PDB file of N, CA and C in Angstrom:
ATOM      1  N   UNK A   1      14.050 -33.125 -10.486  1.00  0.00           N
ATOM      2  CA  UNK A   1      14.243 -31.732  -9.853  1.00  0.00           C
ATOM      3  C   UNK A   1      13.700 -30.789 -10.845  1.00  0.00           C
ATOM      4  N   UNK A   2      12.816 -29.771 -10.291  1.00  0.00           N
ATOM      5  CA  UNK A   2      12.179 -28.806 -11.060  1.00  0.00           C
ATOM      6  C   UNK A   2      13.622 -27.780 -11.510  1.00  0.00           C
ATOM      7  N   UNK A   3      13.409 -27.242 -12.595  1.00  0.00           N
ATOM      8  CA  UNK A   3      14.415 -26.190 -13.112  1.00  0.00           C
ATOM      9  C   UNK A   3      13.982 -24.884 -12.417  1.00  0.00           C
ATOM     10  N   UNK A   4      14.828 -23.965 -12.260  1.00  0.00           N
ATOM     11  CA  UNK A   4      14.482 -22.759 -11.704  1.00  0.00           C
ATOM     12  C   UNK A   4      13.929 -21.839 -12.650  1.00  0.00           C
ATOM     13  N   UNK A   5      12.962 -21.074 -12.147  1.00  0.00           N
ATOM     14  CA  UNK A   5      12.449 -20.133 -12.905  1.00  0.00           C
ATOM     15  C   UNK A   5      12.224 -18.374 -12.593  1.00  0.00           C
ATOM     16  N   UNK A   6      12.760 -17.669 -12.999  1.00  0.00           N
ATOM     17  CA  UNK A   6      12.388 -16.298 -12.763  1.00  0.00           C
ATOM     18  C   UNK A   6      11.537 -15.737 -13.843  1.00  0.00           C
ATOM     19  N   UNK A   7      11.524 -15.896 -15.069  1.00  0.00           N
ATOM     20  CA  UNK A   7      10.586 -15.291 -15.966  1.00  0.00           C
ATOM     21  C   UNK A   7       9.098 -15.698 -16.105  1.00  0.00           C
ATOM     22  N   UNK A   8       9.006 -16.870 -15.464  1.00  0.00           N
ATOM     23  CA  UNK A   8       7.656 -17.496 -15.504  1.00  0.00           C
ATOM     24  C   UNK A   8       6.877 -16.979 -14.405  1.00  0.00           C
ATOM     25  N   UNK A   9       7.320 -16.162 -13.430  1.00  0.00           N
ATOM     26  CA  UNK A   9       6.916 -15.828 -12.160  1.00  0.00           C
ATOM     27  C   UNK A   9       5.240 -15.442 -11.994  1.00  0.00           C
ATOM     28  N   UNK A  10       4.946 -14.742 -13.069  1.00  0.00           N
ATOM     29  CA  UNK A  10       3.508 -14.266 -13.189  1.00  0.00           C
ATOM     30  C   UNK A  10       2.590 -15.659 -13.278  1.00  0.00           C
ATOM     31  N   UNK A  11       3.021 -16.596 -14.304  1.00  0.00           N
ATOM     32  CA  UNK A  11       2.189 -17.879 -14.494  1.00  0.00           C
ATOM     33  C   UNK A  11       2.073 -18.971 -13.021  1.00  0.00           C
ATOM     34  N   UNK A  12       3.222 -18.675 -12.366  1.00  0.00           N
ATOM     35  CA  UNK A  12       3.441 -19.539 -11.151  1.00  0.00           C
ATOM     36  C   UNK A  12       2.437 -18.797 -10.228  1.00  0.00           C
ATOM     37  N   UNK A  13       2.299 -17.523  -9.900  1.00  0.00           N
ATOM     38  CA  UNK A  13       1.893 -17.132  -9.099  1.00  0.00           C
ATOM     39  C   UNK A  13       0.219 -17.029  -9.401  1.00  0.00           C
ATOM     40  N   UNK A  14      -0.109 -16.954 -10.652  1.00  0.00           N
ATOM     41  CA  UNK A  14      -1.309 -16.802 -11.182  1.00  0.00           C
ATOM     42  C   UNK A  14      -2.192 -18.523 -10.909  1.00  0.00           C
ATOM     43  N   UNK A  15      -1.020 -19.389 -11.109  1.00  0.00           N
ATOM     44  CA  UNK A  15      -1.460 -20.851 -11.058  1.00  0.00           C
ATOM     45  C   UNK A  15      -1.889 -20.939  -9.361  1.00  0.00           C
ATOM     46  N   UNK A  16      -1.314 -20.236  -8.434  1.00  0.00           N
ATOM     47  CA  UNK A  16      -1.398 -20.395  -7.022  1.00  0.00           C
ATOM     48  C   UNK A  16      -2.804 -19.515  -6.507  1.00  0.00           C
ATOM     49  N   UNK A  17      -3.416 -18.766  -7.543  1.00  0.00           N
ATOM     50  CA  UNK A  17      -4.699 -18.058  -7.326  1.00  0.00           C
ATOM     51  C   UNK A  17      -4.519 -16.653  -7.052  1.00  0.00           C
ATOM     52  N   UNK A  18      -3.357 -16.045  -7.275  1.00  0.00           N
ATOM     53  CA  UNK A  18      -3.075 -14.863  -7.200  1.00  0.00           C
ATOM     54  C   UNK A  18      -3.385 -13.702  -8.628  1.00  0.00           C
ATOM     55  N   UNK A  19      -3.876 -12.771  -8.488  1.00  0.00           N
ATOM     56  CA  UNK A  19      -3.947 -12.020  -9.520  1.00  0.00           C
ATOM     57  C   UNK A  19      -2.595 -11.056  -9.572  1.00  0.00           C
ATOM     58  N   UNK A  20      -2.040 -11.318 -10.816  1.00  0.00           N
ATOM     59  CA  UNK A  20      -0.721 -10.543 -11.232  1.00  0.00           C
ATOM     60  C   UNK A  20      -1.022  -9.137 -12.201  1.00  0.00           C
ATOM     61  N   UNK A  21      -0.364  -8.056 -11.522  1.00  0.00           N
ATOM     62  CA  UNK A  21      -0.387  -7.091 -12.667  1.00  0.00           C
ATOM     63  C   UNK A  21       1.177  -6.862 -12.809  1.00  0.00           C
ATOM     64  N   UNK A  22       1.466  -6.774 -14.194  1.00  0.00           N
ATOM     65  CA  UNK A  22       3.079  -6.736 -14.399  1.00  0.00           C
ATOM     66  C   UNK A  22       3.335  -5.306 -14.903  1.00  0.00           C
ATOM     67  N   UNK A  23       4.452  -4.851 -14.789  1.00  0.00           N
ATOM     68  CA  UNK A  23       5.208  -3.718 -15.412  1.00  0.00           C
ATOM     69  C   UNK A  23       6.586  -4.070 -15.639  1.00  0.00           C
ATOM     70  N   UNK A  24       6.913  -3.452 -16.665  1.00  0.00           N
ATOM     71  CA  UNK A  24       8.374  -3.678 -17.066  1.00  0.00           C
ATOM     72  C   UNK A  24       9.503  -2.560 -16.448  1.00  0.00           C
ATOM     73  N   UNK A  25       9.256  -1.578 -15.925  1.00  0.00           N
ATOM     74  CA  UNK A  25       9.805  -0.661 -15.349  1.00  0.00           C
ATOM     75  C   UNK A  25       9.063   0.019 -14.191  1.00  0.00           C
ATOM     76  N   UNK A  26      10.065   0.740 -13.324  1.00  0.00           N
ATOM     77  CA  UNK A  26       9.559   1.311 -12.162  1.00  0.00           C
ATOM     78  C   UNK A  26       8.591   2.246 -12.462  1.00  0.00           C
ATOM     79  N   UNK A  27       8.696   3.078 -13.606  1.00  0.00           N
ATOM     80  CA  UNK A  27       7.748   4.166 -13.611  1.00  0.00           C
ATOM     81  C   UNK A  27       6.319   3.645 -14.211  1.00  0.00           C
ATOM     82  N   UNK A  28       6.517   2.432 -14.948  1.00  0.00           N
ATOM     83  CA  UNK A  28       5.377   1.604 -15.137  1.00  0.00           C
ATOM     84  C   UNK A  28       4.673   1.064 -14.193  1.00  0.00           C
ATOM     85  N   UNK A  29       5.531   0.513 -13.061  1.00  0.00           N
ATOM     86  CA  UNK A  29       4.957  -0.091 -11.958  1.00  0.00           C
ATOM     87  C   UNK A  29       4.239   0.688 -11.109  1.00  0.00           C
ATOM     88  N   UNK A  30       4.585   2.033 -11.066  1.00  0.00           N
ATOM     89  CA  UNK A  30       4.080   3.416 -10.340  1.00  0.00           C
ATOM     90  C   UNK A  30       2.676   3.426 -11.042  1.00  0.00           C
ATOM     91  N   UNK A  31       2.550   3.758 -12.369  1.00  0.00           N
ATOM     92  CA  UNK A  31       1.517   3.752 -12.852  1.00  0.00           C
ATOM     93  C   UNK A  31       0.361   2.974 -12.711  1.00  0.00           C
ATOM     94  N   UNK A  32       0.770   1.427 -12.674  1.00  0.00           N
ATOM     95  CA  UNK A  32      -0.151   0.345 -12.263  1.00  0.00           C
ATOM     96  C   UNK A  32      -0.579   0.600 -10.964  1.00  0.00           C
ATOM     97  N   UNK A  33       0.338   0.811 -10.136  1.00  0.00           N
ATOM     98  CA  UNK A  33      -0.123   1.112  -8.417  1.00  0.00           C
ATOM     99  C   UNK A  33      -1.060   2.157  -8.724  1.00  0.00           C
ATOM    100  N   UNK A  34      -1.288   3.159  -9.056  1.00  0.00           N
ATOM    101  CA  UNK A  34      -2.003   4.333  -9.195  1.00  0.00           C
ATOM    102  C   UNK A  34      -3.259   4.020  -9.594  1.00  0.00           C
ATOM    103  N   UNK A  35      -3.538   2.915 -10.632  1.00  0.00           N
ATOM    104  CA  UNK A  35      -4.616   2.568 -10.988  1.00  0.00           C
ATOM    105  C   UNK A  35      -5.390   1.492 -10.119  1.00  0.00           C
ATOM    106  N   UNK A  36      -4.480   0.737  -9.495  1.00  0.00           N
ATOM    107  CA  UNK A  36      -5.161  -0.302  -8.803  1.00  0.00           C
ATOM    108  C   UNK A  36      -4.596  -0.557  -7.224  1.00  0.00           C
ATOM    109  N   UNK A  37      -4.268   0.517  -6.631  1.00  0.00           N
ATOM    110  CA  UNK A  37      -3.538   0.377  -5.301  1.00  0.00           C
ATOM    111  C   UNK A  37      -4.376  -0.239  -4.289  1.00  0.00           C
ATOM    112  N   UNK A  38      -5.472  -0.169  -4.309  1.00  0.00           N
ATOM    113  CA  UNK A  38      -6.536  -0.636  -3.295  1.00  0.00           C
ATOM    114  C   UNK A  38      -6.628  -2.237  -3.694  1.00  0.00           C
ATOM    115  N   UNK A  39      -6.230  -2.668  -4.823  1.00  0.00           N
ATOM    116  CA  UNK A  39      -6.180  -4.047  -4.996  1.00  0.00           C
ATOM    117  C   UNK A  39      -4.804  -4.915  -4.588  1.00  0.00           C
ATOM    118  N   UNK A  40      -3.639  -4.159  -4.660  1.00  0.00           N
ATOM    119  CA  UNK A  40      -2.421  -4.396  -4.729  1.00  0.00           C
ATOM    120  C   UNK A  40      -1.970  -4.717  -3.253  1.00  0.00           C
ATOM    121  N   UNK A  41      -1.602  -6.027  -2.827  1.00  0.00           N
ATOM    122  CA  UNK A  41      -1.138  -6.134  -1.710  1.00  0.00           C
ATOM    123  C   UNK A  41       0.366  -6.477  -1.449  1.00  0.00           C
ATOM    124  N   UNK A  42       1.097  -6.856  -2.670  1.00  0.00           N
ATOM    125  CA  UNK A  42       2.430  -7.097  -2.585  1.00  0.00           C
ATOM    126  C   UNK A  42       2.983  -6.795  -3.906  1.00  0.00           C
ATOM    127  N   UNK A  43       4.462  -6.070  -3.650  1.00  0.00           N
ATOM    128  CA  UNK A  43       5.069  -5.843  -4.770  1.00  0.00           C
ATOM    129  C   UNK A  43       6.226  -6.692  -4.826  1.00  0.00           C
ATOM    130  N   UNK A  44       6.438  -7.245  -6.006  1.00  0.00           N
ATOM    131  CA  UNK A  44       7.555  -8.483  -6.271  1.00  0.00           C
ATOM    132  C   UNK A  44       8.217  -7.444  -7.252  1.00  0.00           C
ATOM    133  N   UNK A  45       9.421  -7.019  -7.245  1.00  0.00           N
ATOM    134  CA  UNK A  45      10.231  -6.206  -7.883  1.00  0.00           C
ATOM    135  C   UNK A  45      11.718  -6.811  -7.904  1.00  0.00           C
ATOM    136  N   UNK A  46      12.453  -6.695  -9.101  1.00  0.00           N
ATOM    137  CA  UNK A  46      13.849  -6.876  -9.061  1.00  0.00           C
ATOM    138  C   UNK A  46      14.298  -5.551  -8.611  1.00  0.00           C
ATOM    139  N   UNK A  47      15.635  -5.935  -8.154  1.00  0.00           N
ATOM    140  CA  UNK A  47      16.857  -4.867  -7.316  1.00  0.00           C
ATOM    141  C   UNK A  47      16.725  -3.681  -8.536  1.00  0.00           C
ATOM    142  N   UNK A  48      17.379  -4.154  -9.558  1.00  0.00           N
ATOM    143  CA  UNK A  48      17.848  -3.751 -10.688  1.00  0.00           C
ATOM    144  C   UNK A  48      16.585  -3.447 -11.870  1.00  0.00           C
ATOM    145  N   UNK A  49      16.134  -2.237 -12.144  1.00  0.00           N
ATOM    146  CA  UNK A  49      14.782  -2.294 -13.018  1.00  0.00           C
ATOM    147  C   UNK A  49      15.600  -1.034 -14.086  1.00  0.00           C
ATOM    148  N   UNK A  50      14.867  -1.103 -15.313  1.00  0.00           N
ATOM    149  CA  UNK A  50      15.038  -0.112 -16.378  1.00  0.00           C
ATOM    150  C   UNK A  50      14.505   1.216 -15.846  1.00  0.00           C
ATOM    151  N   UNK A  51      15.367   2.359 -16.255  1.00  0.00           N
ATOM    152  CA  UNK A  51      14.463   3.563 -16.197  1.00  0.00           C
ATOM    153  C   UNK A  51      15.463   4.234 -14.871  1.00  0.00           C
ATOM    154  N   UNK A  52      14.712   5.501 -14.412  1.00  0.00           N
ATOM    155  CA  UNK A  52      15.633   6.233 -13.444  1.00  0.00           C
ATOM    156  C   UNK A  52      15.393   5.678 -12.008  1.00  0.00           C
ATOM    157  N   UNK A  53      14.268   4.807 -11.563  1.00  0.00           N
ATOM    158  CA  UNK A  53      14.282   4.347 -10.427  1.00  0.00           C
ATOM    159  C   UNK A  53      14.575   2.957 -10.499  1.00  0.00           C
ATOM    160  N   UNK A  54      15.122   2.239  -8.969  1.00  0.00           N
ATOM    161  CA  UNK A  54      15.331   1.132  -9.176  1.00  0.00           C
ATOM    162  C   UNK A  54      14.069   0.376  -8.091  1.00  0.00           C
ATOM    163  N   UNK A  55      14.194  -0.791  -7.940  1.00  0.00           N
ATOM    164  CA  UNK A  55      13.222  -1.616  -6.921  1.00  0.00           C
ATOM    165  C   UNK A  55      13.031  -0.978  -5.773  1.00  0.00           C
ATOM    166  N   UNK A  56      14.369  -1.029  -5.068  1.00  0.00           N
ATOM    167  CA  UNK A  56      14.009  -0.776  -3.720  1.00  0.00           C
ATOM    168  C   UNK A  56      13.500   0.803  -3.397  1.00  0.00           C
ATOM    169  N   UNK A  57      13.940   1.820  -4.330  1.00  0.00           N
ATOM    170  CA  UNK A  57      13.287   3.150  -4.259  1.00  0.00           C
ATOM    171  C   UNK A  57      11.937   2.935  -4.566  1.00  0.00           C
ATOM    172  N   UNK A  58      11.573   2.405  -5.430  1.00  0.00           N
ATOM    173  CA  UNK A  58       9.878   2.116  -6.016  1.00  0.00           C
ATOM    174  C   UNK A  58       9.319   1.674  -4.600  1.00  0.00           C
ATOM    175  N   UNK A  59       9.778   0.571  -4.018  1.00  0.00           N
ATOM    176  CA  UNK A  59       9.141  -0.019  -3.067  1.00  0.00           C
ATOM    177  C   UNK A  59       8.996   1.056  -1.751  1.00  0.00           C
ATOM    178  N   UNK A  60      10.213   1.416  -1.714  1.00  0.00           N
ATOM    179  CA  UNK A  60       9.955   2.671  -0.438  1.00  0.00           C
ATOM    180  C   UNK A  60       9.054   3.803  -0.649  1.00  0.00           C
ATOM    181  N   UNK A  61       8.955   4.196  -1.746  1.00  0.00           N
ATOM    182  CA  UNK A  61       7.865   5.163  -2.317  1.00  0.00           C
ATOM    183  C   UNK A  61       6.482   4.769  -2.191  1.00  0.00           C
ATOM    184  N   UNK A  62       6.326   3.237  -2.566  1.00  0.00           N
ATOM    185  CA  UNK A  62       4.894   2.866  -2.266  1.00  0.00           C
ATOM    186  C   UNK A  62       4.647   2.492  -0.958  1.00  0.00           C
ATOM    187  N   UNK A  63       5.590   1.996  -0.372  1.00  0.00           N
ATOM    188  CA  UNK A  63       5.296   1.609   1.345  1.00  0.00           C
ATOM    189  C   UNK A  63       4.831   3.128   1.922  1.00  0.00           C
ATOM    190  N   UNK A  64       5.591   4.275   1.514  1.00  0.00           N
ATOM    191  CA  UNK A  64       5.275   5.464   2.264  1.00  0.00           C
ATOM    192  C   UNK A  64       3.833   5.644   1.954  1.00  0.00           C
ATOM    193  N   UNK A  65       3.211   5.743   0.975  1.00  0.00           N
ATOM    194  CA  UNK A  65       1.704   5.862   0.382  1.00  0.00           C
ATOM    195  C   UNK A  65       0.981   4.739   1.174  1.00  0.00           C
ATOM    196  N   UNK A  66       1.479   3.575   1.272  1.00  0.00           N
ATOM    197  CA  UNK A  66       0.348   2.614   1.962  1.00  0.00           C
ATOM    198  C   UNK A  66       1.467   1.638   2.792  1.00  0.00           C
ATOM    199  N   UNK A  67       1.546   1.863   4.204  1.00  0.00           N
ATOM    200  CA  UNK A  67       2.493   1.204   4.956  1.00  0.00           C
ATOM    201  C   UNK A  67       2.280  -0.408   5.049  1.00  0.00           C
ATOM    202  N   UNK A  68       1.305  -0.785   4.754  1.00  0.00           N
ATOM    203  CA  UNK A  68       0.750  -2.201   5.117  1.00  0.00           C
ATOM    204  C   UNK A  68       1.246  -2.700   3.686  1.00  0.00           C
ATOM    205  N   UNK A  69       1.858  -2.298   2.627  1.00  0.00           N
ATOM    206  CA  UNK A  69       1.933  -2.935   1.392  1.00  0.00           C
ATOM    207  C   UNK A  69       3.153  -4.036   1.910  1.00  0.00           C
ATOM    208  N   UNK A  70       3.368  -5.138   1.339  1.00  0.00           N
ATOM    209  CA  UNK A  70       4.505  -6.071   1.472  1.00  0.00           C
ATOM    210  C   UNK A  70       5.341  -5.881   0.284  1.00  0.00           C
ATOM    211  N   UNK A  71       6.661  -6.259   0.308  1.00  0.00           N
ATOM    212  CA  UNK A  71       7.704  -6.055  -0.633  1.00  0.00           C
ATOM    213  C   UNK A  71       8.524  -7.190  -0.699  1.00  0.00           C
ATOM    214  N   UNK A  72       8.656  -7.908  -1.830  1.00  0.00           N
ATOM    215  CA  UNK A  72       9.664  -9.036  -1.987  1.00  0.00           C
ATOM    216  C   UNK A  72      10.564  -8.612  -3.229  1.00  0.00           C
ATOM    217  N   UNK A  73      11.786  -8.577  -2.887  1.00  0.00           N
ATOM    218  CA  UNK A  73      12.776  -8.228  -3.959  1.00  0.00           C
ATOM    219  C   UNK A  73      13.231  -9.527  -4.224  1.00  0.00           C
ATOM    220  N   UNK A  74      13.603  -9.456  -5.851  1.00  0.00           N
ATOM    221  CA  UNK A  74      14.655 -10.547  -6.492  1.00  0.00           C
ATOM    222  C   UNK A  74      15.808  -9.932  -7.287  1.00  0.00           C
ATOM    223  N   UNK A  75      16.725 -10.506  -7.297  1.00  0.00           N
ATOM    224  CA  UNK A  75      17.793 -10.379  -8.064  1.00  0.00           C
ATOM    225  C   UNK A  75      18.891 -11.632  -8.517  1.00  0.00           C
ATOM    226  N   UNK A  76      19.552 -11.393  -9.532  1.00  0.00           N
ATOM    227  CA  UNK A  76      20.678 -12.286  -9.913  1.00  0.00           C
ATOM    228  C   UNK A  76      21.767 -11.939  -9.002  1.00  0.00           C
ATOM    229  N   UNK A  77      21.785 -10.568  -8.599  1.00  0.00           N
ATOM    230  CA  UNK A  77      23.110  -9.961  -7.777  1.00  0.00           C
ATOM    231  C   UNK A  77      22.586 -10.121  -6.350  1.00  0.00           C
ATOM    232  N   UNK A  78      23.719  -9.517  -5.576  1.00  0.00           N
ATOM    233  CA  UNK A  78      23.726  -9.799  -4.097  1.00  0.00           C
ATOM    234  C   UNK A  78      22.409  -8.852  -3.697  1.00  0.00           C
ATOM    235  N   UNK A  79      21.757  -9.078  -2.472  1.00  0.00           N
ATOM    236  CA  UNK A  79      20.622  -8.400  -1.987  1.00  0.00           C
ATOM    237  C   UNK A  79      21.657  -6.991  -1.339  1.00  0.00           C
ATOM    238  N   UNK A  80      22.658  -6.938  -1.254  1.00  0.00           N
ATOM    239  CA  UNK A  80      23.575  -5.836  -0.672  1.00  0.00           C
ATOM    240  C   UNK A  80      23.244  -4.768  -1.351  1.00  0.00           C
ATOM    241  N   UNK A  81      23.062  -4.574  -2.742  1.00  0.00           N
ATOM    242  CA  UNK A  81      22.891  -3.612  -3.652  1.00  0.00           C
ATOM    243  C   UNK A  81      21.483  -2.790  -3.488  1.00  0.00           C
ATOM    244  N   UNK A  82      20.589  -3.198  -2.638  1.00  0.00           N
ATOM    245  CA  UNK A  82      19.374  -2.445  -2.328  1.00  0.00           C
ATOM    246  C   UNK A  82      19.133  -2.291  -0.880  1.00  0.00           C
ATOM    247  N   UNK A  83      20.154  -2.679   0.046  1.00  0.00           N
ATOM    248  CA  UNK A  83      19.945  -2.544   1.534  1.00  0.00           C
ATOM    249  C   UNK A  83      19.886  -1.178   2.075  1.00  0.00           C
ATOM    250  N   UNK A  84      20.630  -0.176   1.115  1.00  0.00           N
ATOM    251  CA  UNK A  84      20.581   1.016   1.637  1.00  0.00           C
ATOM    252  C   UNK A  84      19.334   1.845   1.649  1.00  0.00           C
ATOM    253  N   UNK A  85      18.472   1.388   0.518  1.00  0.00           N
ATOM    254  CA  UNK A  85      17.123   2.109   0.189  1.00  0.00           C
ATOM    255  C   UNK A  85      16.075   1.249   1.163  1.00  0.00           C
ATOM    256  N   UNK A  86      16.279   0.204   1.345  1.00  0.00           N
ATOM    257  CA  UNK A  86      15.142  -0.732   1.882  1.00  0.00           C
ATOM    258  C   UNK A  86      15.817  -1.897   2.798  1.00  0.00           C
ATOM    259  N   UNK A  87      14.784  -2.396   3.845  1.00  0.00           N
ATOM    260  CA  UNK A  87      15.247  -3.443   4.748  1.00  0.00           C
ATOM    261  C   UNK A  87      15.089  -4.698   3.865  1.00  0.00           C
ATOM    262  N   UNK A  88      16.092  -5.376   3.591  1.00  0.00           N
ATOM    263  CA  UNK A  88      16.055  -6.337   2.906  1.00  0.00           C
ATOM    264  C   UNK A  88      16.974  -7.753   3.538  1.00  0.00           C
ATOM    265  N   UNK A  89      16.109  -8.826   3.595  1.00  0.00           N
ATOM    266  CA  UNK A  89      16.716  -9.965   4.264  1.00  0.00           C
ATOM    267  C   UNK A  89      16.437 -11.271   3.320  1.00  0.00           C
ATOM    268  N   UNK A  90      17.357 -12.112   3.258  1.00  0.00           N
ATOM    269  CA  UNK A  90      17.422 -13.167   2.783  1.00  0.00           C
ATOM    270  C   UNK A  90      16.471 -14.243   3.427  1.00  0.00           C
ATOM    271  N   UNK A  91      15.746 -14.858   2.732  1.00  0.00           N
ATOM    272  CA  UNK A  91      14.357 -15.655   3.720  1.00  0.00           C
ATOM    273  C   UNK A  91      13.440 -15.021   3.836  1.00  0.00           C
ATOM    274  N   UNK A  92      13.308 -13.687   3.960  1.00  0.00           N
ATOM    275  CA  UNK A  92      12.257 -13.166   4.371  1.00  0.00           C
ATOM    276  C   UNK A  92      11.648 -12.001   3.229  1.00  0.00           C
ATOM    277  N   UNK A  93      12.465 -11.406   2.635  1.00  0.00           N
ATOM    278  CA  UNK A  93      11.691 -10.646   1.314  1.00  0.00           C
ATOM    279  C   UNK A  93      12.823 -10.489   0.344  1.00  0.00           C
ATOM    280  N   UNK A  94      13.869 -11.431   0.145  1.00  0.00           N
ATOM    281  CA  UNK A  94      14.633 -11.601  -1.028  1.00  0.00           C
ATOM    282  C   UNK A  94      14.908 -12.792  -1.664  1.00  0.00           C
ATOM    283  N   UNK A  95      14.695 -12.952  -2.771  1.00  0.00           N
ATOM    284  CA  UNK A  95      14.725 -14.333  -3.488  1.00  0.00           C
ATOM    285  C   UNK A  95      15.803 -14.192  -4.326  1.00  0.00           C
ATOM    286  N   UNK A  96      16.908 -14.930  -4.274  1.00  0.00           N
ATOM    287  CA  UNK A  96      17.814 -14.722  -5.235  1.00  0.00           C
ATOM    288  C   UNK A  96      17.660 -15.772  -6.417  1.00  0.00           C
ATOM    289  N   UNK A  97      17.951 -15.024  -7.566  1.00  0.00           N
ATOM    290  CA  UNK A  97      17.798 -15.636  -8.844  1.00  0.00           C
ATOM    291  C   UNK A  97      18.749 -16.674  -9.075  1.00  0.00           C
ATOM    292  N   UNK A  98      18.718 -17.736  -9.696  1.00  0.00           N
ATOM    293  CA  UNK A  98      17.265 -18.514 -10.258  1.00  0.00           C
ATOM    294  C   UNK A  98      16.705 -18.802  -9.100  1.00  0.00           C
ATOM    295  N   UNK A  99      15.564 -19.081  -8.936  1.00  0.00           N
ATOM    296  CA  UNK A  99      14.662 -19.637  -7.820  1.00  0.00           C
ATOM    297  C   UNK A  99      13.901 -20.560  -8.477  1.00  0.00           C
ATOM    298  N   UNK A 100      13.238 -21.252  -7.635  1.00  0.00           N
ATOM    299  CA  UNK A 100      12.237 -22.336  -8.077  1.00  0.00           C
ATOM    300  C   UNK A 100      10.834 -22.093  -7.680  1.00  0.00           C
ATOM    301  N   UNK A 101       9.881 -22.529  -8.532  1.00  0.00           N
ATOM    302  CA  UNK A 101       8.602 -21.931  -8.340  1.00  0.00           C
ATOM    303  C   UNK A 101       8.088 -22.239  -6.909  1.00  0.00           C
ATOM    304  N   UNK A 102       8.332 -23.287  -6.384  1.00  0.00           N
ATOM    305  CA  UNK A 102       7.693 -23.442  -4.953  1.00  0.00           C
ATOM    306  C   UNK A 102       8.613 -22.326  -3.865  1.00  0.00           C
ATOM    307  N   UNK A 103       9.671 -22.081  -4.449  1.00  0.00           N
ATOM    308  CA  UNK A 103      10.282 -21.133  -3.395  1.00  0.00           C
ATOM    309  C   UNK A 103       9.640 -19.886  -3.431  1.00  0.00           C
ATOM    310  N   UNK A 104       9.125 -19.280  -4.627  1.00  0.00           N
ATOM    311  CA  UNK A 104       8.556 -18.370  -4.959  1.00  0.00           C
ATOM    312  C   UNK A 104       7.065 -18.164  -4.334  1.00  0.00           C
ATOM    313  N   UNK A 105       6.475 -19.095  -4.341  1.00  0.00           N
ATOM    314  CA  UNK A 105       5.237 -19.307  -4.106  1.00  0.00           C
ATOM    315  C   UNK A 105       5.057 -19.545  -2.356  1.00  0.00           C
ATOM    316  N   UNK A 106       6.208 -20.078  -1.700  1.00  0.00           N
ATOM    317  CA  UNK A 106       6.167 -19.984  -0.254  1.00  0.00           C
ATOM    318  C   UNK A 106       6.784 -18.519   0.354  1.00  0.00           C
ATOM    319  N   UNK A 107       7.677 -17.907  -0.426  1.00  0.00           N
ATOM    320  CA  UNK A 107       7.879 -16.627  -0.079  1.00  0.00           C
ATOM    321  C   UNK A 107       6.716 -15.752  -0.292  1.00  0.00           C
ATOM    322  N   UNK A 108       5.990 -15.808  -1.232  1.00  0.00           N
ATOM    323  CA  UNK A 108       5.087 -14.737  -1.268  1.00  0.00           C
ATOM    324  C   UNK A 108       3.805 -15.108  -0.132  1.00  0.00           C
ATOM    325  N   UNK A 109       3.668 -16.286  -0.175  1.00  0.00           N
ATOM    326  CA  UNK A 109       2.624 -16.681   1.201  1.00  0.00           C
ATOM    327  C   UNK A 109       3.267 -16.172   2.378  1.00  0.00           C
ATOM    328  N   UNK A 110       4.235 -16.457   2.740  1.00  0.00           N
ATOM    329  CA  UNK A 110       5.143 -16.037   3.938  1.00  0.00           C
ATOM    330  C   UNK A 110       4.898 -14.542   4.122  1.00  0.00           C
ATOM    331  N   UNK A 111       5.177 -13.790   3.053  1.00  0.00           N
ATOM    332  CA  UNK A 111       5.180 -12.442   3.017  1.00  0.00           C
ATOM    333  C   UNK A 111       3.710 -11.898   3.443  1.00  0.00           C
ATOM    334  N   UNK A 112       2.810 -12.274   2.589  1.00  0.00           N
ATOM    335  CA  UNK A 112       1.424 -11.963   2.673  1.00  0.00           C
ATOM    336  C   UNK A 112       0.804 -12.290   4.053  1.00  0.00           C
ATOM    337  N   UNK A 113       1.188 -13.336   4.734  1.00  0.00           N
ATOM    338  CA  UNK A 113       0.838 -13.784   5.914  1.00  0.00           C
ATOM    339  C   UNK A 113       1.611 -13.034   7.271  1.00  0.00           C
ATOM    340  N   UNK A 114       2.395 -12.277   6.765  1.00  0.00           N
ATOM    341  CA  UNK A 114       3.100 -11.542   7.930  1.00  0.00           C
ATOM    342  C   UNK A 114       4.491 -11.859   8.502  1.00  0.00           C
ATOM    343  N   UNK A 115       4.962 -12.970   7.901  1.00  0.00           N
ATOM    344  CA  UNK A 115       6.258 -13.466   8.322  1.00  0.00           C
ATOM    345  C   UNK A 115       7.500 -13.022   7.935  1.00  0.00           C
ATOM    346  N   UNK A 116       6.881 -12.004   6.730  1.00  0.00           N
ATOM    347  CA  UNK A 116       8.310 -11.192   6.061  1.00  0.00           C
ATOM    348  C   UNK A 116       8.106  -9.787   6.516  1.00  0.00           C
ATOM    349  N   UNK A 117       9.198  -9.078   6.693  1.00  0.00           N
ATOM    350  CA  UNK A 117       9.228  -7.859   7.487  1.00  0.00           C
ATOM    351  C   UNK A 117       9.481  -6.563   6.130  1.00  0.00           C
ATOM    352  N   UNK A 118       9.121  -5.539   6.355  1.00  0.00           N
ATOM    353  CA  UNK A 118       9.270  -4.544   5.246  1.00  0.00           C
ATOM    354  C   UNK A 118      10.614  -3.693   5.483  1.00  0.00           C
TER     355      UNK A 118
END
């Protein structure tokens, strides 16, 4: 059985052929977005992020700019903490930590293919 991984998400996604742009906090994610928004198709964010904004609020702001942006949330906490800011549904756009690499890859693919909702 493979061990769960959350910290290795960028490597897992890059091995699947995705280009990954990383940010440590929401403010940095917004800066990355501004520089690369035409290239970004999906935001993968933790519900709880350092700084003034959280993952759902950041997702909501970016989706307001580009409604076709897909968003996946992840957390070691319950998805309930982000539901007031964003539509979050298990198995659609929420990954409970810890998760396995194949679960991450499958969720990303499903979300990009349109099987996940915002």
